[in-house]
Structure formats: C-alpha cells, structure tokens
Amino acid sequence: MSKRYLVKISGDLIENEEALDFMRGLRQSHLPGVDQPHIVVIVGGGSEINEMLKVAKYKIEFKDGHRVHENDISRNLAAAVLHDNQSTLEIKLPPTYSVIVPIIISGSVNCHVNADDYLRMLAPNFDEAFCLTQKGRTKDFSGEIKVLEFEEEEKEIQND
C-alpha cells in the first residue's frame, strides 16, 4: 500500500529551498514506480494575508486564535493570497503532489480555516503528517504531527 503524507507549509516558507527539498525528498525516498506515495500539501499564508488586509485598510481581528473576516471582500483577498501561494508551490513541486488551500466552501461562502487546524483535522487520515514552519514560531501539536522549523530566508528588496 502506498504511504500517505500530509504536509502543512507556512506561506512564509514557499520560497525556502530547504523546506522545498524536504517535501521533494518525501517522494524520492520511494522506489520509482513502486508504491508511489500520496503527498498532500496544505499551504498557509497568514502573514501575507495580514499584510494584504492592512494595505487594503481592513481591520485585522482574531477570535480564539482565528482571523475574523468582516466581509466577503476581505475573505476574497485572503483567498487570493492562498491561491497565489498554491500556484507558486504547484510550480516548485512535482506534478504528482496535491497542493490545497485551507478553505472550505459551504454553499456559496468561502470559509477560511486556520491551516494548522486544517492539518490537525486531516492528519489522522495520513501515515505521516508534518508542519513546516519558521524557526521560533510556537506550534502545539500532538506527537502525530512532526514540526520542522526552518530559518526565514532574506527577501530581496527592490529599489524603484
């Protein structure tokens, strides 16, 4: 039976080569053509969503650790960030990986789910689950989810 991996990656790490190499390595640890693993990647974007909402002049409010969106426009801005991160990862990872965003569509409403909560919810259905996060961020997971910390890479500053 094929092994099933679930990986949540912070949106702040989608350009981090060390984190990307870890994810690519999950597939490479199996023999080609023999029981290829199923790899699902949840991509986050909390820092970027906060920045986008700040630029758009929306208040950023959290309730019980979850971002509260004041209207559909702020939800759509957040969704755009997540889908952009999803597209970036789909280019950087092998095409056999499933890259998903933590949004559940309920009727016609985009319901944003904290990516860590989404990881907790899905993890019991996988053989191994990982949370890839920036060094120093506190993550409270049970032993079923392995937390791997990576250094934030310096972002290039463009001078206009």
C-alpha atoms as a PDB file:
ATOM      1  CA  MET A   1       0.000   0.000   0.000  1.00  0.00           C
ATOM      2  CA  SER A   2       1.247   3.477  -0.846  1.00  0.00           C
ATOM      3  CA  LYS A   3       2.313   5.690   2.005  1.00  0.00           C
ATOM      4  CA  ARG A   4       0.258   8.859   2.567  1.00  0.00           C
ATOM      5  CA  TYR A   5       1.978  12.077   3.651  1.00  0.00           C
ATOM      6  CA  LEU A   6       0.350  15.329   4.734  1.00  0.00           C
ATOM      7  CA  VAL A   7       2.495  18.463   4.902  1.00  0.00           C
ATOM      8  CA  LYS A   8       1.442  21.942   6.006  1.00  0.00           C
ATOM      9  CA  ILE A   9       3.877  24.639   4.919  1.00  0.00           C
ATOM     10  CA  SER A  10       3.806  28.200   6.169  1.00  0.00           C
ATOM     11  CA  GLY A  11       3.245  30.716   3.385  1.00  0.00           C
ATOM     12  CA  ASP A  12       6.439  32.393   4.608  1.00  0.00           C
ATOM     13  CA  LEU A  13       8.402  29.302   3.538  1.00  0.00           C
ATOM     14  CA  ILE A  14       7.167  28.685  -0.012  1.00  0.00           C
ATOM     15  CA  GLU A  15      10.427  30.078  -1.414  1.00  0.00           C
ATOM     16  CA  ASN A  16      12.637  28.346   1.186  1.00  0.00           C
ATOM     17  CA  GLU A  17      14.747  25.778  -0.699  1.00  0.00           C
ATOM     18  CA  GLU A  18      15.470  23.719   2.417  1.00  0.00           C
ATOM     19  CA  ALA A  19      11.726  23.316   3.107  1.00  0.00           C
ATOM     20  CA  LEU A  20      11.027  22.569  -0.559  1.00  0.00           C
ATOM     21  CA  ASP A  21      13.836  19.981  -0.618  1.00  0.00           C
ATOM     22  CA  PHE A  22      12.292  18.273   2.400  1.00  0.00           C
ATOM     23  CA  MET A  23       8.958  17.966   0.591  1.00  0.00           C
ATOM     24  CA  ARG A  24      10.576  16.768  -2.645  1.00  0.00           C
ATOM     25  CA  GLY A  25      12.504  14.210  -0.619  1.00  0.00           C
ATOM     26  CA  LEU A  26       9.297  12.515   0.540  1.00  0.00           C
ATOM     27  CA  ARG A  27       8.747  11.221  -2.979  1.00  0.00           C
ATOM     28  CA  GLN A  28      12.406  10.457  -3.642  1.00  0.00           C
ATOM     29  CA  SER A  29      12.584   8.172  -0.604  1.00  0.00           C
ATOM     30  CA  HIS A  30      10.459   5.628  -2.507  1.00  0.00           C
ATOM     31  CA  LEU A  31      11.486   3.428  -5.418  1.00  0.00           C
ATOM     32  CA  PRO A  32      10.322   4.832  -8.779  1.00  0.00           C
ATOM     33  CA  GLY A  33       7.139   3.135  -9.970  1.00  0.00           C
ATOM     34  CA  VAL A  34       6.778   1.080  -6.787  1.00  0.00           C
ATOM     35  CA  ASP A  35       4.076   2.103  -4.339  1.00  0.00           C
ATOM     36  CA  GLN A  36       4.476   5.798  -5.059  1.00  0.00           C
ATOM     37  CA  PRO A  37       3.409   7.885  -2.079  1.00  0.00           C
ATOM     38  CA  HIS A  38       0.387  10.152  -1.990  1.00  0.00           C
ATOM     39  CA  ILE A  39       1.538  13.607  -0.889  1.00  0.00           C
ATOM     40  CA  VAL A  40      -0.885  16.367   0.033  1.00  0.00           C
ATOM     41  CA  VAL A  41       0.456  19.823   0.860  1.00  0.00           C
ATOM     42  CA  ILE A  42      -1.601  22.442   2.721  1.00  0.00           C
ATOM     43  CA  VAL A  43      -0.249  25.911   2.016  1.00  0.00           C
ATOM     44  CA  GLY A  44      -0.724  28.708   4.518  1.00  0.00           C
ATOM     45  CA  GLY A  45      -0.421  32.443   4.168  1.00  0.00           C
ATOM     46  CA  GLY A  46      -1.245  34.109   7.480  1.00  0.00           C
ATOM     47  CA  SER A  47       1.497  36.760   7.425  1.00  0.00           C
ATOM     48  CA  GLU A  48       0.757  37.666   3.815  1.00  0.00           C
ATOM     49  CA  ILE A  49      -2.985  37.781   4.448  1.00  0.00           C
ATOM     50  CA  ASN A  50      -2.454  40.154   7.374  1.00  0.00           C
ATOM     51  CA  GLU A  51      -0.250  42.372   5.212  1.00  0.00           C
ATOM     52  CA  MET A  52      -2.784  42.386   2.352  1.00  0.00           C
ATOM     53  CA  LEU A  53      -5.640  43.259   4.709  1.00  0.00           C
ATOM     54  CA  LYS A  54      -3.557  46.030   6.279  1.00  0.00           C
ATOM     55  CA  VAL A  55      -2.792  47.536   2.840  1.00  0.00           C
ATOM     56  CA  ALA A  56      -6.495  47.338   1.930  1.00  0.00           C
ATOM     57  CA  LYS A  57      -7.285  49.103   5.235  1.00  0.00           C
ATOM     58  CA  TYR A  58      -9.271  46.247   6.780  1.00  0.00           C
ATOM     59  CA  LYS A  59      -9.021  45.721  10.498  1.00  0.00           C
ATOM     60  CA  ILE A  60      -7.275  42.508  11.479  1.00  0.00           C
ATOM     61  CA  GLU A  61      -9.138  40.836  14.275  1.00  0.00           C
ATOM     62  CA  PHE A  62      -8.649  37.419  15.848  1.00  0.00           C
ATOM     63  CA  LYS A  63     -11.147  35.470  17.921  1.00  0.00           C
ATOM     64  CA  ASP A  64      -9.945  32.348  19.722  1.00  0.00           C
ATOM     65  CA  GLY A  65      -6.797  32.424  17.592  1.00  0.00           C
ATOM     66  CA  HIS A  66      -8.662  32.625  14.286  1.00  0.00           C
ATOM     67  CA  ARG A  67      -8.788  35.567  11.894  1.00  0.00           C
ATOM     68  CA  VAL A  68     -12.250  37.106  11.624  1.00  0.00           C
ATOM     69  CA  HIS A  69     -13.187  38.488   8.212  1.00  0.00           C
ATOM     70  CA  GLU A  70     -15.547  41.426   8.277  1.00  0.00           C
ATOM     71  CA  ASN A  71     -16.993  40.821   4.791  1.00  0.00           C
ATOM     72  CA  ASP A  72     -16.723  38.863   1.555  1.00  0.00           C
ATOM     73  CA  ILE A  73     -14.148  41.276   0.141  1.00  0.00           C
ATOM     74  CA  SER A  74     -11.680  40.573   2.951  1.00  0.00           C
ATOM     75  CA  ARG A  75     -12.370  36.822   2.601  1.00  0.00           C
ATOM     76  CA  ASN A  76     -11.713  37.068  -1.142  1.00  0.00           C
ATOM     77  CA  LEU A  77      -8.450  38.961  -0.550  1.00  0.00           C
ATOM     78  CA  ALA A  78      -7.333  36.205   1.815  1.00  0.00           C
ATOM     79  CA  ALA A  79      -8.361  33.540  -0.699  1.00  0.00           C
ATOM     80  CA  ALA A  80      -6.352  35.312  -3.426  1.00  0.00           C
ATOM     81  CA  VAL A  81      -3.215  35.174  -1.261  1.00  0.00           C
ATOM     82  CA  LEU A  82      -3.719  31.464  -0.561  1.00  0.00           C
ATOM     83  CA  HIS A  83      -4.386  30.613  -4.210  1.00  0.00           C
ATOM     84  CA  ASP A  84      -1.304  32.579  -5.264  1.00  0.00           C
ATOM     85  CA  ASN A  85       0.773  30.563  -2.773  1.00  0.00           C
ATOM     86  CA  GLN A  86      -0.847  27.390  -4.087  1.00  0.00           C
ATOM     87  CA  SER A  87       0.140  28.268  -7.675  1.00  0.00           C
ATOM     88  CA  THR A  88       3.705  29.036  -6.593  1.00  0.00           C
ATOM     89  CA  LEU A  89       4.060  25.656  -4.885  1.00  0.00           C
ATOM     90  CA  GLU A  90       2.477  23.767  -7.771  1.00  0.00           C
ATOM     91  CA  ILE A  91       5.268  25.091  -9.983  1.00  0.00           C
ATOM     92  CA  LYS A  92       8.017  24.235  -7.484  1.00  0.00           C
ATOM     93  CA  LEU A  93       6.851  20.714  -6.575  1.00  0.00           C
ATOM     94  CA  PRO A  94       6.425  17.606  -8.738  1.00  0.00           C
ATOM     95  CA  PRO A  95       3.057  17.443 -10.536  1.00  0.00           C
ATOM     96  CA  THR A  96       2.044  14.355  -8.556  1.00  0.00           C
ATOM     97  CA  TYR A  97       1.775  16.411  -5.345  1.00  0.00           C
ATOM     98  CA  SER A  98      -1.684  17.745  -4.415  1.00  0.00           C
ATOM     99  CA  VAL A  99      -1.404  21.314  -3.157  1.00  0.00           C
ATOM    100  CA  ILE A 100      -4.508  22.534  -1.333  1.00  0.00           C
ATOM    101  CA  VAL A 101      -5.604  25.699   0.470  1.00  0.00           C
ATOM    102  CA  PRO A 102      -7.354  25.761   3.865  1.00  0.00           C
ATOM    103  CA  ILE A 103     -10.702  26.957   2.582  1.00  0.00           C
ATOM    104  CA  ILE A 104     -13.937  25.026   2.836  1.00  0.00           C
ATOM    105  CA  ILE A 105     -16.730  26.185   0.556  1.00  0.00           C
ATOM    106  CA  SER A 106     -20.019  25.951   2.389  1.00  0.00           C
ATOM    107  CA  GLY A 107     -22.823  26.750  -0.008  1.00  0.00           C
ATOM    108  CA  SER A 108     -21.561  29.922  -1.615  1.00  0.00           C
ATOM    109  CA  VAL A 109     -19.450  31.055   1.340  1.00  0.00           C
ATOM    110  CA  ASN A 110     -15.656  30.727   1.455  1.00  0.00           C
ATOM    111  CA  CYS A 111     -14.977  29.519   4.989  1.00  0.00           C
ATOM    112  CA  HIS A 112     -11.357  30.086   5.882  1.00  0.00           C
ATOM    113  CA  VAL A 113      -9.808  27.516   8.187  1.00  0.00           C
ATOM    114  CA  ASN A 114      -6.574  28.130  10.052  1.00  0.00           C
ATOM    115  CA  ALA A 115      -4.039  25.967   8.183  1.00  0.00           C
ATOM    116  CA  ASP A 116      -2.749  24.450  11.453  1.00  0.00           C
ATOM    117  CA  ASP A 117      -6.315  23.465  12.393  1.00  0.00           C
ATOM    118  CA  TYR A 118      -6.825  22.002   8.913  1.00  0.00           C
ATOM    119  CA  LEU A 119      -3.639  19.962   9.415  1.00  0.00           C
ATOM    120  CA  ARG A 120      -4.933  18.668  12.770  1.00  0.00           C
ATOM    121  CA  MET A 121      -8.252  17.752  11.189  1.00  0.00           C
ATOM    122  CA  LEU A 122      -6.770  15.832   8.239  1.00  0.00           C
ATOM    123  CA  ALA A 123      -3.719  14.255   9.920  1.00  0.00           C
ATOM    124  CA  PRO A 124      -5.470  11.118  11.283  1.00  0.00           C
ATOM    125  CA  ASN A 125      -6.141  10.063   7.673  1.00  0.00           C
ATOM    126  CA  PHE A 126      -2.429  10.004   6.750  1.00  0.00           C
ATOM    127  CA  ASP A 127       0.519   7.790   7.649  1.00  0.00           C
ATOM    128  CA  GLU A 128       2.733  10.769   8.486  1.00  0.00           C
ATOM    129  CA  ALA A 129       1.990  14.465   8.971  1.00  0.00           C
ATOM    130  CA  PHE A 130       4.407  17.388   9.109  1.00  0.00           C
ATOM    131  CA  CYS A 131       4.174  21.086   9.902  1.00  0.00           C
ATOM    132  CA  LEU A 132       6.891  23.164   8.217  1.00  0.00           C
ATOM    133  CA  THR A 133       7.187  26.486   9.995  1.00  0.00           C
ATOM    134  CA  GLN A 134       9.599  29.322  10.652  1.00  0.00           C
ATOM    135  CA  LYS A 135      12.102  28.904  13.434  1.00  0.00           C
ATOM    136  CA  GLY A 136      10.803  30.332  16.702  1.00  0.00           C
ATOM    137  CA  ARG A 137       7.078  30.050  15.963  1.00  0.00           C
ATOM    138  CA  THR A 138       5.317  28.088  18.659  1.00  0.00           C
ATOM    139  CA  LYS A 139       3.322  25.137  17.393  1.00  0.00           C
ATOM    140  CA  ASP A 140       1.293  22.953  19.726  1.00  0.00           C
ATOM    141  CA  PHE A 141       0.704  19.620  18.037  1.00  0.00           C
ATOM    142  CA  SER A 142       0.335  16.112  19.353  1.00  0.00           C
ATOM    143  CA  GLY A 143       3.080  13.581  18.648  1.00  0.00           C
ATOM    144  CA  GLU A 144       1.285  12.531  15.457  1.00  0.00           C
ATOM    145  CA  ILE A 145       2.358  15.739  13.706  1.00  0.00           C
ATOM    146  CA  LYS A 146       6.076  16.386  13.374  1.00  0.00           C
ATOM    147  CA  VAL A 147       7.101  20.054  13.483  1.00  0.00           C
ATOM    148  CA  LEU A 148      10.103  21.048  11.373  1.00  0.00           C
ATOM    149  CA  GLU A 149      11.495  24.558  11.745  1.00  0.00           C
ATOM    150  CA  PHE A 150      13.320  26.460   9.017  1.00  0.00           C
ATOM    151  CA  GLU A 151      15.176  29.761   9.001  1.00  0.00           C
ATOM    152  CA  GLU A 152      13.407  32.585   7.203  1.00  0.00           C
ATOM    153  CA  GLU A 153      15.281  33.441   4.031  1.00  0.00           C
ATOM    154  CA  GLU A 154      16.216  37.028   3.369  1.00  0.00           C
ATOM    155  CA  LYS A 155      13.772  38.653   0.968  1.00  0.00           C
ATOM    156  CA  GLU A 156      15.177  40.776  -1.809  1.00  0.00           C
ATOM    157  CA  ILE A 157      14.308  44.430  -1.502  1.00  0.00           C
ATOM    158  CA  GLN A 158      13.614  46.016  -4.857  1.00  0.00           C
ATOM    159  CA  ASN A 159      14.525  49.656  -5.276  1.00  0.00           C
ATOM    160  CA  ASP A 160      12.213  51.516  -7.618  1.00  0.00           C
END
